[in-house]
């Protein structure tokens, strides 16, 4: 049976799960919610970098991303940070939608799938 690796599992979620060389992250939100959507996106992407590194991969190996924005009008500002973070020519498939997030202080939440 194949091994499932769970990173920082709690009673309700794991920060990441690895199975058969695929790494699935939780929906990551900013730790510092005092900034605008660009600042929160940078915070989220730094956390995603750390999760991917824990599993021996990085943002050059992204397959899929789900992005939720509190306000879809923040899409351009978020995309500017996202585009700078992505290695050229390495964009994953992606969905980006407006959503009511778990706490009103969160402006963006991002979940990715990568391979090792």
PDB file of N, CA and C in Angstrom:
ATOM      1  N   UNK A   1       0.847  -1.177   0.000  1.00  0.00           N
ATOM      2  CA  UNK A   1       0.000   0.000   0.000  1.00  0.00           C
ATOM      3  C   UNK A   1       0.893   1.240   0.000  1.00  0.00           C
ATOM      4  N   UNK A   2       0.550   2.229  -0.791  1.00  0.00           N
ATOM      5  CA  UNK A   2       1.329   3.459  -0.881  1.00  0.00           C
ATOM      6  C   UNK A   2       1.182   4.295   0.378  1.00  0.00           C
ATOM      7  N   UNK A   3       2.281   4.926   0.732  1.00  0.00           N
ATOM      8  CA  UNK A   3       2.330   5.736   1.944  1.00  0.00           C
ATOM      9  C   UNK A   3       1.751   7.127   1.680  1.00  0.00           C
ATOM     10  N   UNK A   4       0.962   7.634   2.610  1.00  0.00           N
ATOM     11  CA  UNK A   4       0.440   8.992   2.574  1.00  0.00           C
ATOM     12  C   UNK A   4       1.183   9.780   3.651  1.00  0.00           C
ATOM     13  N   UNK A   5       1.782  10.902   3.258  1.00  0.00           N
ATOM     14  CA  UNK A   5       2.526  11.742   4.195  1.00  0.00           C
ATOM     15  C   UNK A   5       1.693  12.985   4.469  1.00  0.00           C
ATOM     16  N   UNK A   6       1.396  13.230   5.742  1.00  0.00           N
ATOM     17  CA  UNK A   6       0.596  14.386   6.142  1.00  0.00           C
ATOM     18  C   UNK A   6       1.487  15.342   6.932  1.00  0.00           C
ATOM     19  N   UNK A   7       1.491  16.614   6.552  1.00  0.00           N
ATOM     20  CA  UNK A   7       2.307  17.622   7.210  1.00  0.00           C
ATOM     21  C   UNK A   7       1.452  18.419   8.188  1.00  0.00           C
ATOM     22  N   UNK A   8       1.895  18.424   9.448  1.00  0.00           N
ATOM     23  CA  UNK A   8       1.229  19.190  10.512  1.00  0.00           C
ATOM     24  C   UNK A   8      -0.270  18.934  10.543  1.00  0.00           C
ATOM     25  N   UNK A   9      -0.631  17.686  10.660  1.00  0.00           N
ATOM     26  CA  UNK A   9      -2.043  17.307  10.712  1.00  0.00           C
ATOM     27  C   UNK A   9      -2.667  17.767  12.019  1.00  0.00           C
ATOM     28  N   UNK A  10      -3.861  18.320  11.914  1.00  0.00           N
ATOM     29  CA  UNK A  10      -4.654  18.703  13.087  1.00  0.00           C
ATOM     30  C   UNK A  10      -5.933  17.868  13.052  1.00  0.00           C
ATOM     31  N   UNK A  11      -6.814  18.052  14.010  1.00  0.00           N
ATOM     32  CA  UNK A  11      -8.070  17.293  13.965  1.00  0.00           C
ATOM     33  C   UNK A  11      -8.936  17.583  12.735  1.00  0.00           C
ATOM     34  N   UNK A  12      -8.720  18.752  12.072  1.00  0.00           N
ATOM     35  CA  UNK A  12      -9.587  19.081  10.936  1.00  0.00           C
ATOM     36  C   UNK A  12      -8.878  19.159   9.588  1.00  0.00           C
ATOM     37  N   UNK A  13      -7.534  19.300   9.560  1.00  0.00           N
ATOM     38  CA  UNK A  13      -6.842  19.382   8.281  1.00  0.00           C
ATOM     39  C   UNK A  13      -5.352  19.171   8.447  1.00  0.00           C
ATOM     40  N   UNK A  14      -4.702  18.900   7.345  1.00  0.00           N
ATOM     41  CA  UNK A  14      -3.242  18.860   7.268  1.00  0.00           C
ATOM     42  C   UNK A  14      -2.810  20.062   6.433  1.00  0.00           C
ATOM     43  N   UNK A  15      -1.621  20.594   6.722  1.00  0.00           N
ATOM     44  CA  UNK A  15      -1.134  21.722   5.914  1.00  0.00           C
ATOM     45  C   UNK A  15      -0.794  21.277   4.501  1.00  0.00           C
ATOM     46  N   UNK A  16      -0.369  20.026   4.372  1.00  0.00           N
ATOM     47  CA  UNK A  16      -0.109  19.442   3.055  1.00  0.00           C
ATOM     48  C   UNK A  16      -0.227  17.927   3.172  1.00  0.00           C
ATOM     49  N   UNK A  17      -0.538  17.304   2.050  1.00  0.00           N
ATOM     50  CA  UNK A  17      -0.598  15.845   1.962  1.00  0.00           C
ATOM     51  C   UNK A  17       0.156  15.433   0.706  1.00  0.00           C
ATOM     52  N   UNK A  18       1.021  14.433   0.856  1.00  0.00           N
ATOM     53  CA  UNK A  18       1.766  13.910  -0.284  1.00  0.00           C
ATOM     54  C   UNK A  18       1.374  12.454  -0.510  1.00  0.00           C
ATOM     55  N   UNK A  19       1.138  12.128  -1.774  1.00  0.00           N
ATOM     56  CA  UNK A  19       0.769  10.762  -2.139  1.00  0.00           C
ATOM     57  C   UNK A  19       1.251  10.501  -3.565  1.00  0.00           C
ATOM     58  N   UNK A  20       2.002   9.448  -3.746  1.00  0.00           N
ATOM     59  CA  UNK A  20       2.514   9.070  -5.069  1.00  0.00           C
ATOM     60  C   UNK A  20       3.241  10.220  -5.773  1.00  0.00           C
ATOM     61  N   UNK A  21       3.980  11.028  -5.016  1.00  0.00           N
ATOM     62  CA  UNK A  21       4.739  12.117  -5.613  1.00  0.00           C
ATOM     63  C   UNK A  21       3.948  13.376  -5.905  1.00  0.00           C
ATOM     64  N   UNK A  22       2.671  13.381  -5.556  1.00  0.00           N
ATOM     65  CA  UNK A  22       1.848  14.575  -5.701  1.00  0.00           C
ATOM     66  C   UNK A  22       1.708  15.231  -4.338  1.00  0.00           C
ATOM     67  N   UNK A  23       1.796  16.559  -4.304  1.00  0.00           N
ATOM     68  CA  UNK A  23       1.691  17.319  -3.063  1.00  0.00           C
ATOM     69  C   UNK A  23       0.487  18.244  -3.184  1.00  0.00           C
ATOM     70  N   UNK A  24      -0.420  18.123  -2.220  1.00  0.00           N
ATOM     71  CA  UNK A  24      -1.642  18.918  -2.174  1.00  0.00           C
ATOM     72  C   UNK A  24      -1.557  19.810  -0.946  1.00  0.00           C
ATOM     73  N   UNK A  25      -1.681  21.128  -1.112  1.00  0.00           N
ATOM     74  CA  UNK A  25      -1.642  22.005   0.054  1.00  0.00           C
ATOM     75  C   UNK A  25      -3.052  22.338   0.520  1.00  0.00           C
ATOM     76  N   UNK A  26      -3.119  22.760   1.761  1.00  0.00           N
ATOM     77  CA  UNK A  26      -4.374  23.301   2.277  1.00  0.00           C
ATOM     78  C   UNK A  26      -4.633  24.635   1.587  1.00  0.00           C
ATOM     79  N   UNK A  27      -5.789  25.196   1.793  1.00  0.00           N
ATOM     80  CA  UNK A  27      -6.041  26.566   1.377  1.00  0.00           C
ATOM     81  C   UNK A  27      -5.262  27.463   2.327  1.00  0.00           C
ATOM     82  N   UNK A  28      -4.275  28.168   1.803  1.00  0.00           N
ATOM     83  CA  UNK A  28      -3.381  28.981   2.635  1.00  0.00           C
ATOM     84  C   UNK A  28      -3.869  30.423   2.647  1.00  0.00           C
ATOM     85  N   UNK A  29      -3.950  30.985   3.856  1.00  0.00           N
ATOM     86  CA  UNK A  29      -4.313  32.394   4.038  1.00  0.00           C
ATOM     87  C   UNK A  29      -3.150  33.114   4.714  1.00  0.00           C
ATOM     88  N   UNK A  30      -3.164  34.424   4.659  1.00  0.00           N
ATOM     89  CA  UNK A  30      -2.078  35.223   5.217  1.00  0.00           C
ATOM     90  C   UNK A  30      -1.987  35.072   6.736  1.00  0.00           C
ATOM     91  N   UNK A  31      -0.766  35.009   7.225  1.00  0.00           N
ATOM     92  CA  UNK A  31      -0.546  35.048   8.673  1.00  0.00           C
ATOM     93  C   UNK A  31      -0.650  36.485   9.173  1.00  0.00           C
ATOM     94  N   UNK A  32      -0.159  37.427   8.357  1.00  0.00           N
ATOM     95  CA  UNK A  32      -0.253  38.853   8.674  1.00  0.00           C
ATOM     96  C   UNK A  32      -1.378  39.432   7.821  1.00  0.00           C
ATOM     97  N   UNK A  33      -2.492  39.717   8.450  1.00  0.00           N
ATOM     98  CA  UNK A  33      -3.672  40.188   7.714  1.00  0.00           C
ATOM     99  C   UNK A  33      -3.781  41.715   7.691  1.00  0.00           C
ATOM    100  N   UNK A  34      -2.740  42.409   8.120  1.00  0.00           N
ATOM    101  CA  UNK A  34      -2.803  43.870   8.180  1.00  0.00           C
ATOM    102  C   UNK A  34      -2.612  44.533   6.817  1.00  0.00           C
ATOM    103  N   UNK A  35      -2.084  43.793   5.843  1.00  0.00           N
ATOM    104  CA  UNK A  35      -1.784  44.379   4.538  1.00  0.00           C
ATOM    105  C   UNK A  35      -2.919  44.262   3.545  1.00  0.00           C
ATOM    106  N   UNK A  36      -2.681  44.862   2.381  1.00  0.00           N
ATOM    107  CA  UNK A  36      -3.641  44.785   1.279  1.00  0.00           C
ATOM    108  C   UNK A  36      -3.527  43.420   0.597  1.00  0.00           C
ATOM    109  N   UNK A  37      -4.260  43.220  -0.478  1.00  0.00           N
ATOM    110  CA  UNK A  37      -4.274  41.914  -1.149  1.00  0.00           C
ATOM    111  C   UNK A  37      -2.895  41.540  -1.677  1.00  0.00           C
ATOM    112  N   UNK A  38      -2.113  42.504  -2.138  1.00  0.00           N
ATOM    113  CA  UNK A  38      -0.761  42.195  -2.627  1.00  0.00           C
ATOM    114  C   UNK A  38       0.110  41.678  -1.486  1.00  0.00           C
ATOM    115  N   UNK A  39       0.074  42.351  -0.356  1.00  0.00           N
ATOM    116  CA  UNK A  39       0.868  41.922   0.802  1.00  0.00           C
ATOM    117  C   UNK A  39       0.409  40.557   1.291  1.00  0.00           C
ATOM    118  N   UNK A  40      -0.899  40.347   1.352  1.00  0.00           N
ATOM    119  CA  UNK A  40      -1.405  39.043   1.789  1.00  0.00           C
ATOM    120  C   UNK A  40      -1.026  37.952   0.793  1.00  0.00           C
ATOM    121  N   UNK A  41      -1.048  38.246  -0.486  1.00  0.00           N
ATOM    122  CA  UNK A  41      -0.663  37.251  -1.490  1.00  0.00           C
ATOM    123  C   UNK A  41       0.803  36.871  -1.332  1.00  0.00           C
ATOM    124  N   UNK A  42       1.679  37.851  -1.105  1.00  0.00           N
ATOM    125  CA  UNK A  42       3.098  37.558  -0.873  1.00  0.00           C
ATOM    126  C   UNK A  42       3.269  36.655   0.342  1.00  0.00           C
ATOM    127  N   UNK A  43       2.540  36.930   1.406  1.00  0.00           N
ATOM    128  CA  UNK A  43       2.576  36.122   2.629  1.00  0.00           C
ATOM    129  C   UNK A  43       2.144  34.688   2.312  1.00  0.00           C
ATOM    130  N   UNK A  44       1.034  34.543   1.606  1.00  0.00           N
ATOM    131  CA  UNK A  44       0.504  33.222   1.258  1.00  0.00           C
ATOM    132  C   UNK A  44       1.506  32.445   0.400  1.00  0.00           C
ATOM    133  N   UNK A  45       2.068  33.096  -0.602  1.00  0.00           N
ATOM    134  CA  UNK A  45       3.003  32.406  -1.493  1.00  0.00           C
ATOM    135  C   UNK A  45       4.284  31.996  -0.771  1.00  0.00           C
ATOM    136  N   UNK A  46       4.727  32.781   0.193  1.00  0.00           N
ATOM    137  CA  UNK A  46       5.893  32.395   1.000  1.00  0.00           C
ATOM    138  C   UNK A  46       5.580  31.139   1.805  1.00  0.00           C
ATOM    139  N   UNK A  47       4.377  31.056   2.339  1.00  0.00           N
ATOM    140  CA  UNK A  47       3.971  29.855   3.073  1.00  0.00           C
ATOM    141  C   UNK A  47       3.889  28.646   2.145  1.00  0.00           C
ATOM    142  N   UNK A  48       3.376  28.851   0.943  1.00  0.00           N
ATOM    143  CA  UNK A  48       3.299  27.763  -0.029  1.00  0.00           C
ATOM    144  C   UNK A  48       4.702  27.300  -0.407  1.00  0.00           C
ATOM    145  N   UNK A  49       5.626  28.243  -0.613  1.00  0.00           N
ATOM    146  CA  UNK A  49       7.025  27.871  -0.884  1.00  0.00           C
ATOM    147  C   UNK A  49       7.553  26.943   0.212  1.00  0.00           C
ATOM    148  N   UNK A  50       7.298  27.293   1.468  1.00  0.00           N
ATOM    149  CA  UNK A  50       7.789  26.494   2.595  1.00  0.00           C
ATOM    150  C   UNK A  50       7.153  25.103   2.603  1.00  0.00           C
ATOM    151  N   UNK A  51       5.856  25.033   2.349  1.00  0.00           N
ATOM    152  CA  UNK A  51       5.185  23.724   2.314  1.00  0.00           C
ATOM    153  C   UNK A  51       5.742  22.857   1.186  1.00  0.00           C
ATOM    154  N   UNK A  52       5.915  23.441   0.017  1.00  0.00           N
ATOM    155  CA  UNK A  52       6.448  22.673  -1.104  1.00  0.00           C
ATOM    156  C   UNK A  52       7.872  22.211  -0.820  1.00  0.00           C
ATOM    157  N   UNK A  53       8.680  23.077  -0.220  1.00  0.00           N
ATOM    158  CA  UNK A  53      10.057  22.704   0.120  1.00  0.00           C
ATOM    159  C   UNK A  53      10.084  21.541   1.107  1.00  0.00           C
ATOM    160  N   UNK A  54       9.172  21.553   2.062  1.00  0.00           N
ATOM    161  CA  UNK A  54       9.074  20.450   3.021  1.00  0.00           C
ATOM    162  C   UNK A  54       8.894  19.115   2.314  1.00  0.00           C
ATOM    163  N   UNK A  55       8.230  19.150   1.173  1.00  0.00           N
ATOM    164  CA  UNK A  55       7.953  17.925   0.418  1.00  0.00           C
ATOM    165  C   UNK A  55       8.888  17.743  -0.779  1.00  0.00           C
ATOM    166  N   UNK A  56       9.974  18.490  -0.807  1.00  0.00           N
ATOM    167  CA  UNK A  56      10.987  18.288  -1.834  1.00  0.00           C
ATOM    168  C   UNK A  56      10.610  18.773  -3.220  1.00  0.00           C
ATOM    169  N   UNK A  57       9.785  19.799  -3.283  1.00  0.00           N
ATOM    170  CA  UNK A  57       9.404  20.348  -4.576  1.00  0.00           C
ATOM    171  C   UNK A  57       9.350  21.865  -4.490  1.00  0.00           C
ATOM    172  N   UNK A  58       8.924  22.510  -5.568  1.00  0.00           N
ATOM    173  CA  UNK A  58       8.861  23.979  -5.567  1.00  0.00           C
ATOM    174  C   UNK A  58       7.856  24.455  -6.610  1.00  0.00           C
ATOM    175  N   UNK A  59       7.803  25.768  -6.803  1.00  0.00           N
ATOM    176  CA  UNK A  59       6.783  26.322  -7.690  1.00  0.00           C
ATOM    177  C   UNK A  59       7.059  26.095  -9.178  1.00  0.00           C
ATOM    178  N   UNK A  60       8.169  25.459  -9.521  1.00  0.00           N
ATOM    179  CA  UNK A  60       8.396  25.061 -10.916  1.00  0.00           C
ATOM    180  C   UNK A  60       7.640  23.776 -11.251  1.00  0.00           C
ATOM    181  N   UNK A  61       7.090  23.121 -10.233  1.00  0.00           N
ATOM    182  CA  UNK A  61       6.424  21.824 -10.404  1.00  0.00           C
ATOM    183  C   UNK A  61       4.915  21.902 -10.123  1.00  0.00           C
ATOM    184  N   UNK A  62       4.358  23.107 -10.165  1.00  0.00           N
ATOM    185  CA  UNK A  62       2.925  23.284  -9.920  1.00  0.00           C
ATOM    186  C   UNK A  62       2.100  22.684 -11.045  1.00  0.00           C
ATOM    187  N   UNK A  63       1.014  22.037 -10.670  1.00  0.00           N
ATOM    188  CA  UNK A  63       0.086  21.476 -11.641  1.00  0.00           C
ATOM    189  C   UNK A  63      -1.229  22.252 -11.676  1.00  0.00           C
ATOM    190  N   UNK A  64      -1.688  22.661 -10.490  1.00  0.00           N
ATOM    191  CA  UNK A  64      -3.017  23.251 -10.377  1.00  0.00           C
ATOM    192  C   UNK A  64      -3.032  24.256  -9.232  1.00  0.00           C
ATOM    193  N   UNK A  65      -3.846  25.304  -9.369  1.00  0.00           N
ATOM    194  CA  UNK A  65      -4.041  26.273  -8.293  1.00  0.00           C
ATOM    195  C   UNK A  65      -5.509  26.673  -8.231  1.00  0.00           C
ATOM    196  N   UNK A  66      -5.976  26.847  -7.010  1.00  0.00           N
ATOM    197  CA  UNK A  66      -7.314  27.381  -6.749  1.00  0.00           C
ATOM    198  C   UNK A  66      -7.101  28.646  -5.940  1.00  0.00           C
ATOM    199  N   UNK A  67      -7.671  29.750  -6.397  1.00  0.00           N
ATOM    200  CA  UNK A  67      -7.506  31.026  -5.716  1.00  0.00           C
ATOM    201  C   UNK A  67      -8.886  31.604  -5.423  1.00  0.00           C
ATOM    202  N   UNK A  68      -9.070  31.971  -4.156  1.00  0.00           N
ATOM    203  CA  UNK A  68     -10.302  32.608  -3.728  1.00  0.00           C
ATOM    204  C   UNK A  68      -9.974  34.024  -3.282  1.00  0.00           C
ATOM    205  N   UNK A  69     -10.704  34.999  -3.798  1.00  0.00           N
ATOM    206  CA  UNK A  69     -10.532  36.396  -3.426  1.00  0.00           C
ATOM    207  C   UNK A  69     -11.784  36.894  -2.719  1.00  0.00           C
ATOM    208  N   UNK A  70     -11.583  37.671  -1.675  1.00  0.00           N
ATOM    209  CA  UNK A  70     -12.726  38.287  -0.996  1.00  0.00           C
ATOM    210  C   UNK A  70     -13.466  39.196  -1.968  1.00  0.00           C
ATOM    211  N   UNK A  71     -12.687  39.909  -2.795  1.00  0.00           N
ATOM    212  CA  UNK A  71     -13.274  40.832  -3.757  1.00  0.00           C
ATOM    213  C   UNK A  71     -12.591  40.607  -5.110  1.00  0.00           C
ATOM    214  N   UNK A  72     -13.339  40.198  -6.103  1.00  0.00           N
ATOM    215  CA  UNK A  72     -12.765  39.870  -7.408  1.00  0.00           C
ATOM    216  C   UNK A  72     -12.089  41.088  -8.054  1.00  0.00           C
ATOM    217  N   UNK A  73     -12.430  42.282  -7.608  1.00  0.00           N
ATOM    218  CA  UNK A  73     -11.766  43.476  -8.148  1.00  0.00           C
ATOM    219  C   UNK A  73     -10.298  43.545  -7.722  1.00  0.00           C
ATOM    220  N   UNK A  74      -9.889  42.702  -6.764  1.00  0.00           N
ATOM    221  CA  UNK A  74      -8.482  42.618  -6.337  1.00  0.00           C
ATOM    222  C   UNK A  74      -7.672  41.679  -7.232  1.00  0.00           C
ATOM    223  N   UNK A  75      -8.300  41.121  -8.251  1.00  0.00           N
ATOM    224  CA  UNK A  75      -7.641  40.120  -9.097  1.00  0.00           C
ATOM    225  C   UNK A  75      -6.372  40.657  -9.754  1.00  0.00           C
ATOM    226  N   UNK A  76      -6.403  41.860 -10.271  1.00  0.00           N
ATOM    227  CA  UNK A  76      -5.225  42.418 -10.951  1.00  0.00           C
ATOM    228  C   UNK A  76      -4.047  42.571  -9.983  1.00  0.00           C
ATOM    229  N   UNK A  77      -4.306  43.068  -8.780  1.00  0.00           N
ATOM    230  CA  UNK A  77      -3.234  43.238  -7.791  1.00  0.00           C
ATOM    231  C   UNK A  77      -2.677  41.885  -7.351  1.00  0.00           C
ATOM    232  N   UNK A  78      -3.558  40.914  -7.161  1.00  0.00           N
ATOM    233  CA  UNK A  78      -3.109  39.567  -6.798  1.00  0.00           C
ATOM    234  C   UNK A  78      -2.312  38.958  -7.944  1.00  0.00           C
ATOM    235  N   UNK A  79      -2.807  39.112  -9.190  1.00  0.00           N
ATOM    236  CA  UNK A  79      -2.124  38.550 -10.359  1.00  0.00           C
ATOM    237  C   UNK A  79      -0.727  39.124 -10.540  1.00  0.00           C
ATOM    238  N   UNK A  80      -0.531  40.386 -10.188  1.00  0.00           N
ATOM    239  CA  UNK A  80       0.791  40.987 -10.313  1.00  0.00           C
ATOM    240  C   UNK A  80       1.794  40.256  -9.422  1.00  0.00           C
ATOM    241  N   UNK A  81       1.415  40.000  -8.176  1.00  0.00           N
ATOM    242  CA  UNK A  81       2.286  39.263  -7.245  1.00  0.00           C
ATOM    243  C   UNK A  81       2.439  37.816  -7.704  1.00  0.00           C
ATOM    244  N   UNK A  82       1.349  37.185  -8.072  1.00  0.00           N
ATOM    245  CA  UNK A  82       1.349  35.788  -8.545  1.00  0.00           C
ATOM    246  C   UNK A  82       2.288  35.631  -9.731  1.00  0.00           C
ATOM    247  N   UNK A  83       2.194  36.528 -10.707  1.00  0.00           N
ATOM    248  CA  UNK A  83       3.013  36.444 -11.923  1.00  0.00           C
ATOM    249  C   UNK A  83       4.502  36.611 -11.626  1.00  0.00           C
ATOM    250  N   UNK A  84       4.834  37.469 -10.680  1.00  0.00           N
ATOM    251  CA  UNK A  84       6.234  37.647 -10.281  1.00  0.00           C
ATOM    252  C   UNK A  84       6.765  36.408  -9.568  1.00  0.00           C
ATOM    253  N   UNK A  85       5.896  35.707  -8.856  1.00  0.00           N
ATOM    254  CA  UNK A  85       6.293  34.518  -8.095  1.00  0.00           C
ATOM    255  C   UNK A  85       6.502  33.303  -8.996  1.00  0.00           C
ATOM    256  N   UNK A  86       5.703  33.198 -10.045  1.00  0.00           N
ATOM    257  CA  UNK A  86       5.797  32.038 -10.938  1.00  0.00           C
ATOM    258  C   UNK A  86       7.038  32.115 -11.816  1.00  0.00           C
ATOM    259  N   UNK A  87       7.781  31.004 -11.946  1.00  0.00           N
ATOM    260  CA  UNK A  87       8.866  30.978 -12.917  1.00  0.00           C
ATOM    261  C   UNK A  87       8.284  31.106 -14.335  1.00  0.00           C
ATOM    262  N   UNK A  88       8.985  31.795 -15.204  1.00  0.00           N
ATOM    263  CA  UNK A  88       8.498  32.017 -16.557  1.00  0.00           C
ATOM    264  C   UNK A  88       8.194  30.693 -17.259  1.00  0.00           C
ATOM    265  N   UNK A  89       7.017  30.630 -17.857  1.00  0.00           N
ATOM    266  CA  UNK A  89       6.607  29.441 -18.603  1.00  0.00           C
ATOM    267  C   UNK A  89       6.164  28.281 -17.730  1.00  0.00           C
ATOM    268  N   UNK A  90       5.977  28.492 -16.434  1.00  0.00           N
ATOM    269  CA  UNK A  90       5.645  27.398 -15.517  1.00  0.00           C
ATOM    270  C   UNK A  90       4.265  27.548 -14.872  1.00  0.00           C
ATOM    271  N   UNK A  91       3.373  28.298 -15.483  1.00  0.00           N
ATOM    272  CA  UNK A  91       2.047  28.512 -14.898  1.00  0.00           C
ATOM    273  C   UNK A  91       1.232  27.217 -14.864  1.00  0.00           C
ATOM    274  N   UNK A  92       0.575  26.948 -13.731  1.00  0.00           N
ATOM    275  CA  UNK A  92      -0.302  25.774 -13.642  1.00  0.00           C
ATOM    276  C   UNK A  92      -1.679  26.097 -14.217  1.00  0.00           C
ATOM    277  N   UNK A  93      -2.535  25.097 -14.332  1.00  0.00           N
ATOM    278  CA  UNK A  93      -3.944  25.385 -14.586  1.00  0.00           C
ATOM    279  C   UNK A  93      -4.462  26.080 -13.325  1.00  0.00           C
ATOM    280  N   UNK A  94      -5.476  26.913 -13.487  1.00  0.00           N
ATOM    281  CA  UNK A  94      -5.867  27.728 -12.339  1.00  0.00           C
ATOM    282  C   UNK A  94      -7.317  28.150 -12.427  1.00  0.00           C
ATOM    283  N   UNK A  95      -7.938  28.261 -11.255  1.00  0.00           N
ATOM    284  CA  UNK A  95      -9.249  28.890 -11.126  1.00  0.00           C
ATOM    285  C   UNK A  95      -9.103  30.027 -10.124  1.00  0.00           C
ATOM    286  N   UNK A  96      -9.774  31.131 -10.379  1.00  0.00           N
ATOM    287  CA  UNK A  96      -9.734  32.279  -9.476  1.00  0.00           C
ATOM    288  C   UNK A  96     -11.155  32.821  -9.386  1.00  0.00           C
ATOM    289  N   UNK A  97     -11.715  32.794  -8.185  1.00  0.00           N
ATOM    290  CA  UNK A  97     -13.105  33.208  -7.998  1.00  0.00           C
ATOM    291  C   UNK A  97     -13.243  34.103  -6.777  1.00  0.00           C
ATOM    292  N   UNK A  98     -14.334  34.835  -6.746  1.00  0.00           N
ATOM    293  CA  UNK A  98     -14.688  35.614  -5.567  1.00  0.00           C
ATOM    294  C   UNK A  98     -15.431  34.705  -4.597  1.00  0.00           C
ATOM    295  N   UNK A  99     -15.116  34.830  -3.312  1.00  0.00           N
ATOM    296  CA  UNK A  99     -15.752  33.967  -2.321  1.00  0.00           C
ATOM    297  C   UNK A  99     -15.799  34.656  -0.960  1.00  0.00           C
ATOM    298  N   UNK A 100     -16.752  34.262  -0.172  1.00  0.00           N
ATOM    299  CA  UNK A 100     -16.804  34.706   1.221  1.00  0.00           C
ATOM    300  C   UNK A 100     -15.846  33.799   1.985  1.00  0.00           C
ATOM    301  N   UNK A 101     -14.732  34.361   2.479  1.00  0.00           N
ATOM    302  CA  UNK A 101     -13.712  33.569   3.162  1.00  0.00           C
ATOM    303  C   UNK A 101     -14.078  33.381   4.627  1.00  0.00           C
ATOM    304  N   UNK A 102     -13.363  32.508   5.317  1.00  0.00           N
ATOM    305  CA  UNK A 102     -13.693  32.110   6.680  1.00  0.00           C
ATOM    306  C   UNK A 102     -13.687  33.268   7.672  1.00  0.00           C
ATOM    307  N   UNK A 103     -12.869  34.286   7.418  1.00  0.00           N
ATOM    308  CA  UNK A 103     -12.779  35.451   8.298  1.00  0.00           C
ATOM    309  C   UNK A 103     -12.680  36.677   7.398  1.00  0.00           C
ATOM    310  N   UNK A 104     -13.394  37.739   7.694  1.00  0.00           N
ATOM    311  CA  UNK A 104     -13.385  38.924   6.831  1.00  0.00           C
ATOM    312  C   UNK A 104     -12.015  39.592   6.677  1.00  0.00           C
ATOM    313  N   UNK A 105     -11.057  39.302   7.557  1.00  0.00           N
ATOM    314  CA  UNK A 105      -9.720  39.903   7.428  1.00  0.00           C
ATOM    315  C   UNK A 105      -8.913  39.254   6.309  1.00  0.00           C
ATOM    316  N   UNK A 106      -9.298  38.060   5.877  1.00  0.00           N
ATOM    317  CA  UNK A 106      -8.592  37.387   4.787  1.00  0.00           C
ATOM    318  C   UNK A 106      -9.065  37.950   3.454  1.00  0.00           C
ATOM    319  N   UNK A 107      -8.106  38.348   2.618  1.00  0.00           N
ATOM    320  CA  UNK A 107      -8.424  38.901   1.306  1.00  0.00           C
ATOM    321  C   UNK A 107      -8.178  37.892   0.189  1.00  0.00           C
ATOM    322  N   UNK A 108      -7.353  36.861   0.462  1.00  0.00           N
ATOM    323  CA  UNK A 108      -7.009  35.872  -0.550  1.00  0.00           C
ATOM    324  C   UNK A 108      -6.708  34.540   0.140  1.00  0.00           C
ATOM    325  N   UNK A 109      -7.064  33.459  -0.518  1.00  0.00           N
ATOM    326  CA  UNK A 109      -6.728  32.106  -0.069  1.00  0.00           C
ATOM    327  C   UNK A 109      -6.304  31.337  -1.311  1.00  0.00           C
ATOM    328  N   UNK A 110      -5.191  30.601  -1.186  1.00  0.00           N
ATOM    329  CA  UNK A 110      -4.650  29.863  -2.336  1.00  0.00           C
ATOM    330  C   UNK A 110      -4.336  28.430  -1.938  1.00  0.00           C
ATOM    331  N   UNK A 111      -4.723  27.496  -2.791  1.00  0.00           N
ATOM    332  CA  UNK A 111      -4.451  26.074  -2.616  1.00  0.00           C
ATOM    333  C   UNK A 111      -3.786  25.578  -3.893  1.00  0.00           C
ATOM    334  N   UNK A 112      -2.690  24.833  -3.781  1.00  0.00           N
ATOM    335  CA  UNK A 112      -2.014  24.328  -4.972  1.00  0.00           C
ATOM    336  C   UNK A 112      -1.806  22.823  -4.903  1.00  0.00           C
ATOM    337  N   UNK A 113      -1.612  22.244  -6.074  1.00  0.00           N
ATOM    338  CA  UNK A 113      -1.175  20.862  -6.235  1.00  0.00           C
ATOM    339  C   UNK A 113       0.102  20.899  -7.047  1.00  0.00           C
ATOM    340  N   UNK A 114       1.107  20.166  -6.573  1.00  0.00           N
ATOM    341  CA  UNK A 114       2.395  20.109  -7.260  1.00  0.00           C
ATOM    342  C   UNK A 114       2.837  18.651  -7.316  1.00  0.00           C
ATOM    343  N   UNK A 115       3.858  18.394  -8.098  1.00  0.00           N
ATOM    344  CA  UNK A 115       4.463  17.057  -8.115  1.00  0.00           C
ATOM    345  C   UNK A 115       5.925  17.188  -7.704  1.00  0.00           C
ATOM    346  N   UNK A 116       6.478  16.071  -7.272  1.00  0.00           N
ATOM    347  CA  UNK A 116       7.881  16.076  -6.855  1.00  0.00           C
ATOM    348  C   UNK A 116       8.790  15.910  -8.040  1.00  0.00           C
TER     349      UNK A 116
END
